[in-house]
Amino acid sequence: MNEWTLIAGMAALTFGPRYLPLALAGRARIPPLIEQALRFVPIAVLSAIITQTTLIHQGAVDFTLSNAHLLAAIAACLVAWFSRGLFLTVAIGLLTYGVARWII
């Protein structure tokens, strides 16, 4: 296969999905049900990333007290539950993670 054809095909496949929503932004109308469901996508993706990073280490689920990620996540969840403050939640989570890594 010609290298230039391959490069042009990769460019089209990369550029197309990024340009299409911009081109159709004012013309297409999303149904309310789908629009409502799309509001939960960032929360679901972030939850999946955090859960995987927190619980899985070296290919196995780790629910022990030697898991610094798990301790920090528990501390952050408790702070978020009681304070409802984003900055405080992140700060306590990072501080707990650092202390747990230092001790463990």
C-alpha atoms as a PDB file:
ATOM      1  CA  MET A   1       0.000   0.000   0.000  1.00  0.00           C
ATOM      2  CA  ASN A   2       1.175   3.471  -0.773  1.00  0.00           C
ATOM      3  CA  GLU A   3       2.375   5.336   2.340  1.00  0.00           C
ATOM      4  CA  TRP A   4       0.589   8.543   1.304  1.00  0.00           C
ATOM      5  CA  THR A   5      -2.709   6.707   0.943  1.00  0.00           C
ATOM      6  CA  LEU A   6      -2.242   5.250   4.405  1.00  0.00           C
ATOM      7  CA  ILE A   7      -1.444   8.684   5.883  1.00  0.00           C
ATOM      8  CA  ALA A   8      -4.470  10.248   4.154  1.00  0.00           C
ATOM      9  CA  GLY A   9      -6.732   7.465   5.452  1.00  0.00           C
ATOM     10  CA  MET A  10      -5.460   7.869   9.010  1.00  0.00           C
ATOM     11  CA  ALA A  11      -5.922  11.643   8.786  1.00  0.00           C
ATOM     12  CA  ALA A  12      -9.517  11.239   7.566  1.00  0.00           C
ATOM     13  CA  LEU A  13     -10.341   8.731  10.306  1.00  0.00           C
ATOM     14  CA  THR A  14      -8.816  10.983  12.946  1.00  0.00           C
ATOM     15  CA  PHE A  15     -10.226  14.270  11.691  1.00  0.00           C
ATOM     16  CA  GLY A  16     -13.721  13.040  10.751  1.00  0.00           C
ATOM     17  CA  PRO A  17     -15.084  12.146  14.195  1.00  0.00           C
ATOM     18  CA  ARG A  18     -13.692  15.380  15.642  1.00  0.00           C
ATOM     19  CA  TYR A  19     -15.066  17.639  12.926  1.00  0.00           C
ATOM     20  CA  LEU A  20     -18.499  16.023  12.523  1.00  0.00           C
ATOM     21  CA  PRO A  21     -19.949  17.204  15.877  1.00  0.00           C
ATOM     22  CA  LEU A  22     -18.714  20.735  15.178  1.00  0.00           C
ATOM     23  CA  ALA A  23     -20.222  20.728  11.705  1.00  0.00           C
ATOM     24  CA  LEU A  24     -23.595  19.459  12.939  1.00  0.00           C
ATOM     25  CA  ALA A  25     -23.673  21.459  16.188  1.00  0.00           C
ATOM     26  CA  GLY A  26     -26.369  23.925  15.167  1.00  0.00           C
ATOM     27  CA  ARG A  27     -28.322  21.678  12.811  1.00  0.00           C
ATOM     28  CA  ALA A  28     -28.935  18.462  14.701  1.00  0.00           C
ATOM     29  CA  ARG A  29     -31.290  18.251  17.669  1.00  0.00           C
ATOM     30  CA  ILE A  30     -30.547  15.655  20.333  1.00  0.00           C
ATOM     31  CA  PRO A  31     -33.617  13.991  21.872  1.00  0.00           C
ATOM     32  CA  PRO A  32     -34.187  14.984  25.514  1.00  0.00           C
ATOM     33  CA  LEU A  33     -33.766  11.417  26.790  1.00  0.00           C
ATOM     34  CA  ILE A  34     -30.332  11.066  25.181  1.00  0.00           C
ATOM     35  CA  GLU A  35     -29.331  14.545  26.316  1.00  0.00           C
ATOM     36  CA  GLN A  36     -30.291  13.650  29.874  1.00  0.00           C
ATOM     37  CA  ALA A  37     -28.320  10.385  29.680  1.00  0.00           C
ATOM     38  CA  LEU A  38     -25.232  12.154  28.305  1.00  0.00           C
ATOM     39  CA  ARG A  39     -25.018  14.281  31.450  1.00  0.00           C
ATOM     40  CA  PHE A  40     -23.919  11.175  33.372  1.00  0.00           C
ATOM     41  CA  VAL A  41     -21.080  10.208  31.009  1.00  0.00           C
ATOM     42  CA  PRO A  42     -18.317  12.268  32.708  1.00  0.00           C
ATOM     43  CA  ILE A  43     -19.314  10.957  36.143  1.00  0.00           C
ATOM     44  CA  ALA A  44     -19.362   7.362  34.913  1.00  0.00           C
ATOM     45  CA  VAL A  45     -15.992   7.628  33.166  1.00  0.00           C
ATOM     46  CA  LEU A  46     -14.319   9.288  36.146  1.00  0.00           C
ATOM     47  CA  SER A  47     -15.785   6.696  38.518  1.00  0.00           C
ATOM     48  CA  ALA A  48     -14.490   3.849  36.369  1.00  0.00           C
ATOM     49  CA  ILE A  49     -10.993   5.337  36.219  1.00  0.00           C
ATOM     50  CA  ILE A  50     -10.840   6.014  39.963  1.00  0.00           C
ATOM     51  CA  THR A  51     -12.233   2.581  40.899  1.00  0.00           C
ATOM     52  CA  GLN A  52      -9.762   0.749  38.668  1.00  0.00           C
ATOM     53  CA  THR A  53      -6.813   2.779  39.950  1.00  0.00           C
ATOM     54  CA  THR A  54      -7.883   2.406  43.568  1.00  0.00           C
ATOM     55  CA  LEU A  55      -8.666  -1.295  43.722  1.00  0.00           C
ATOM     56  CA  ILE A  56      -6.523  -3.098  41.148  1.00  0.00           C
ATOM     57  CA  HIS A  57      -2.758  -3.404  41.625  1.00  0.00           C
ATOM     58  CA  GLN A  58      -0.503  -5.745  39.652  1.00  0.00           C
ATOM     59  CA  GLY A  59      -3.497  -7.436  38.056  1.00  0.00           C
ATOM     60  CA  ALA A  60      -5.272  -8.350  41.298  1.00  0.00           C
ATOM     61  CA  VAL A  61      -7.925  -6.715  43.451  1.00  0.00           C
ATOM     62  CA  ASP A  62      -6.329  -5.318  46.627  1.00  0.00           C
ATOM     63  CA  PHE A  63      -8.670  -4.686  49.582  1.00  0.00           C
ATOM     64  CA  THR A  64      -5.924  -4.610  52.220  1.00  0.00           C
ATOM     65  CA  LEU A  65      -4.891  -1.786  54.550  1.00  0.00           C
ATOM     66  CA  SER A  66      -1.534  -1.677  52.770  1.00  0.00           C
ATOM     67  CA  ASN A  67      -3.277  -0.208  49.701  1.00  0.00           C
ATOM     68  CA  ALA A  68      -2.534   3.524  49.964  1.00  0.00           C
ATOM     69  CA  HIS A  69      -4.905   4.301  47.091  1.00  0.00           C
ATOM     70  CA  LEU A  70      -7.803   2.637  48.908  1.00  0.00           C
ATOM     71  CA  LEU A  71      -7.084   4.451  52.178  1.00  0.00           C
ATOM     72  CA  ALA A  72      -6.923   7.800  50.387  1.00  0.00           C
ATOM     73  CA  ALA A  73     -10.164   7.086  48.510  1.00  0.00           C
ATOM     74  CA  ILE A  74     -11.964   6.179  51.728  1.00  0.00           C
ATOM     75  CA  ALA A  75     -10.701   9.336  53.444  1.00  0.00           C
ATOM     76  CA  ALA A  76     -11.690  11.484  50.456  1.00  0.00           C
ATOM     77  CA  CYS A  77     -15.171   9.917  50.339  1.00  0.00           C
ATOM     78  CA  LEU A  78     -15.719  10.598  54.036  1.00  0.00           C
ATOM     79  CA  VAL A  79     -14.576  14.213  53.715  1.00  0.00           C
ATOM     80  CA  ALA A  80     -16.742  14.707  50.624  1.00  0.00           C
ATOM     81  CA  TRP A  81     -19.741  13.208  52.419  1.00  0.00           C
ATOM     82  CA  PHE A  82     -19.481  15.495  55.428  1.00  0.00           C
ATOM     83  CA  SER A  83     -18.002  18.728  54.038  1.00  0.00           C
ATOM     84  CA  ARG A  84     -19.254  18.825  50.419  1.00  0.00           C
ATOM     85  CA  GLY A  85     -16.126  20.867  49.620  1.00  0.00           C
ATOM     86  CA  LEU A  86     -14.133  19.936  46.520  1.00  0.00           C
ATOM     87  CA  PHE A  87     -10.843  21.540  47.555  1.00  0.00           C
ATOM     88  CA  LEU A  88     -10.923  20.017  51.035  1.00  0.00           C
ATOM     89  CA  THR A  89     -11.794  16.595  49.604  1.00  0.00           C
ATOM     90  CA  VAL A  90      -8.901  16.638  47.149  1.00  0.00           C
ATOM     91  CA  ALA A  91      -6.473  18.010  49.754  1.00  0.00           C
ATOM     92  CA  ILE A  92      -7.353  15.382  52.370  1.00  0.00           C
ATOM     93  CA  GLY A  93      -7.232  12.615  49.764  1.00  0.00           C
ATOM     94  CA  LEU A  94      -3.769  13.669  48.597  1.00  0.00           C
ATOM     95  CA  LEU A  95      -2.520  14.133  52.145  1.00  0.00           C
ATOM     96  CA  THR A  96      -3.839  10.716  53.189  1.00  0.00           C
ATOM     97  CA  TYR A  97      -2.252   9.104  50.145  1.00  0.00           C
ATOM     98  CA  GLY A  98       1.112  10.740  50.862  1.00  0.00           C
ATOM     99  CA  VAL A  99       1.084   9.752  54.531  1.00  0.00           C
ATOM    100  CA  ALA A 100      -0.022   6.201  53.711  1.00  0.00           C
ATOM    101  CA  ARG A 101       2.720   5.806  51.111  1.00  0.00           C
ATOM    102  CA  TRP A 102       5.289   7.155  53.575  1.00  0.00           C
ATOM    103  CA  ILE A 103       4.173   4.832  56.377  1.00  0.00           C
ATOM    104  CA  ILE A 104       3.611   1.739  54.234  1.00  0.00           C
END
